[in-house]
Structure formats: structure tokens, C-alpha cells
Amino acid sequence: MKRTRHARDLAQRFKELVALDGDSLPEKHYDELALLIEAGIDTAIVEHLETIANELDKMSNNLRTNAEFFD
């Protein structure tokens, strides 16, 4: 999935930045970071989908209301 790959790429970039400073962390921490990033992406997607669903609901209600004029 694209978001999994994106999360791993971000964690890898962070790992590179840490290494540039001469530091390091255990690999499991970078794996956990990738999971946290992916969870954040998933949350943003769900929130956006909820917004779209609300807009569709309003549109369908408007369509029903306007359809009454054609009965």
C-alpha cells in the first residue's frame, strides 16, 4: 500500500537525519515510528472520508427535497 511505503520512507529519512548527527536508535524504534506515521495517515484519511460522507448526505437530502417538486 502506498501509505505503508510512504510511512517507511519517512521513518528511513528520519533515520538518516539521526545518523547525520552521529546518533543511532535501535531498528525497532524506526519500525514503531513507521507504524505511528501510518496510523496518522489512516486517521487523516478516515476524517476526510467522514467529511465527504457528510457532504454526500446533504446532497442526497437536497435531491430528495427537490425531487418533491417533480411528483
C-alpha atoms as a PDB file:
ATOM      1  CA  MET A   1       0.000   0.000   0.000  1.00  0.00           C
ATOM      2  CA  LYS A   2       1.169   3.489  -0.749  1.00  0.00           C
ATOM      3  CA  ARG A   3       0.689   4.817   2.777  1.00  0.00           C
ATOM      4  CA  THR A   4       2.735   1.968   4.269  1.00  0.00           C
ATOM      5  CA  ARG A   5       5.554   2.671   1.844  1.00  0.00           C
ATOM      6  CA  HIS A   6       5.300   6.396   2.496  1.00  0.00           C
ATOM      7  CA  ALA A   7       5.443   5.830   6.274  1.00  0.00           C
ATOM      8  CA  ARG A   8       8.526   3.631   5.884  1.00  0.00           C
ATOM      9  CA  ASP A   9      10.179   6.218   3.643  1.00  0.00           C
ATOM     10  CA  LEU A  10       9.581   8.925   6.254  1.00  0.00           C
ATOM     11  CA  ALA A  11      10.976   6.739   9.029  1.00  0.00           C
ATOM     12  CA  GLN A  12      14.009   5.964   6.842  1.00  0.00           C
ATOM     13  CA  ARG A  13      14.580   9.674   6.222  1.00  0.00           C
ATOM     14  CA  PHE A  14      14.387  10.313   9.958  1.00  0.00           C
ATOM     15  CA  LYS A  15      16.918   7.523  10.498  1.00  0.00           C
ATOM     16  CA  GLU A  16      19.250   9.220   8.014  1.00  0.00           C
ATOM     17  CA  LEU A  17      18.900  12.543   9.839  1.00  0.00           C
ATOM     18  CA  VAL A  18      19.685  10.881  13.159  1.00  0.00           C
ATOM     19  CA  ALA A  19      22.740   9.225  11.611  1.00  0.00           C
ATOM     20  CA  LEU A  20      23.935  12.556  10.205  1.00  0.00           C
ATOM     21  CA  ASP A  21      24.063  13.849  13.763  1.00  0.00           C
ATOM     22  CA  GLY A  22      26.192  10.857  14.711  1.00  0.00           C
ATOM     23  CA  ASP A  23      23.426   9.210  16.724  1.00  0.00           C
ATOM     24  CA  SER A  24      21.528   5.974  16.313  1.00  0.00           C
ATOM     25  CA  LEU A  25      18.460   4.228  17.631  1.00  0.00           C
ATOM     26  CA  PRO A  26      17.526   0.563  17.650  1.00  0.00           C
ATOM     27  CA  GLU A  27      15.848  -0.574  14.414  1.00  0.00           C
ATOM     28  CA  LYS A  28      12.660  -1.444  16.320  1.00  0.00           C
ATOM     29  CA  HIS A  29      12.178   2.260  17.106  1.00  0.00           C
ATOM     30  CA  TYR A  30      12.193   3.125  13.426  1.00  0.00           C
ATOM     31  CA  ASP A  31       9.662   0.362  12.811  1.00  0.00           C
ATOM     32  CA  GLU A  32       7.478   1.826  15.562  1.00  0.00           C
ATOM     33  CA  LEU A  33       7.878   5.296  14.053  1.00  0.00           C
ATOM     34  CA  ALA A  34       6.708   3.969  10.677  1.00  0.00           C
ATOM     35  CA  LEU A  35       3.633   2.449  12.364  1.00  0.00           C
ATOM     36  CA  LEU A  36       2.848   5.730  14.118  1.00  0.00           C
ATOM     37  CA  ILE A  37       3.163   7.639  10.853  1.00  0.00           C
ATOM     38  CA  GLU A  38       0.926   5.148   9.067  1.00  0.00           C
ATOM     39  CA  ALA A  39      -1.648   5.401  11.850  1.00  0.00           C
ATOM     40  CA  GLY A  40      -1.608   9.179  11.475  1.00  0.00           C
ATOM     41  CA  ILE A  41      -2.142   8.878   7.740  1.00  0.00           C
ATOM     42  CA  ASP A  42      -5.031   6.441   8.316  1.00  0.00           C
ATOM     43  CA  THR A  43      -6.642   8.832  10.801  1.00  0.00           C
ATOM     44  CA  ALA A  44      -6.418  11.706   8.329  1.00  0.00           C
ATOM     45  CA  ILE A  45      -7.985   9.558   5.608  1.00  0.00           C
ATOM     46  CA  VAL A  46     -10.874   8.493   7.839  1.00  0.00           C
ATOM     47  CA  GLU A  47     -11.549  12.069   8.911  1.00  0.00           C
ATOM     48  CA  HIS A  48     -11.574  13.183   5.279  1.00  0.00           C
ATOM     49  CA  LEU A  49     -13.925  10.339   4.329  1.00  0.00           C
ATOM     50  CA  GLU A  50     -16.290  11.398   7.119  1.00  0.00           C
ATOM     51  CA  THR A  51     -16.336  14.921   5.681  1.00  0.00           C
ATOM     52  CA  ILE A  52     -17.121  13.562   2.221  1.00  0.00           C
ATOM     53  CA  ALA A  53     -19.863  11.313   3.641  1.00  0.00           C
ATOM     54  CA  ASN A  54     -21.443  14.301   5.382  1.00  0.00           C
ATOM     55  CA  GLU A  55     -21.382  16.284   2.136  1.00  0.00           C
ATOM     56  CA  LEU A  56     -22.967  13.382   0.247  1.00  0.00           C
ATOM     57  CA  ASP A  57     -25.659  13.134   2.907  1.00  0.00           C
ATOM     58  CA  LYS A  58     -26.503  16.819   2.493  1.00  0.00           C
ATOM     59  CA  MET A  59     -26.579  16.420  -1.269  1.00  0.00           C
ATOM     60  CA  SER A  60     -28.899  13.423  -1.093  1.00  0.00           C
ATOM     61  CA  ASN A  61     -31.246  15.304   1.243  1.00  0.00           C
ATOM     62  CA  ASN A  62     -31.296  18.239  -1.179  1.00  0.00           C
ATOM     63  CA  LEU A  63     -32.011  15.860  -4.052  1.00  0.00           C
ATOM     64  CA  ARG A  64     -34.943  14.311  -2.155  1.00  0.00           C
ATOM     65  CA  THR A  65     -36.297  17.759  -1.311  1.00  0.00           C
ATOM     66  CA  ASN A  66     -36.001  18.946  -4.905  1.00  0.00           C
ATOM     67  CA  ALA A  67     -37.475  15.703  -6.246  1.00  0.00           C
ATOM     68  CA  GLU A  68     -40.737  16.504  -4.443  1.00  0.00           C
ATOM     69  CA  PHE A  69     -41.327  19.297  -6.942  1.00  0.00           C
ATOM     70  CA  PHE A  70     -41.414  16.762  -9.797  1.00  0.00           C
ATOM     71  CA  ASP A  71     -44.004  14.420  -8.285  1.00  0.00           C
END
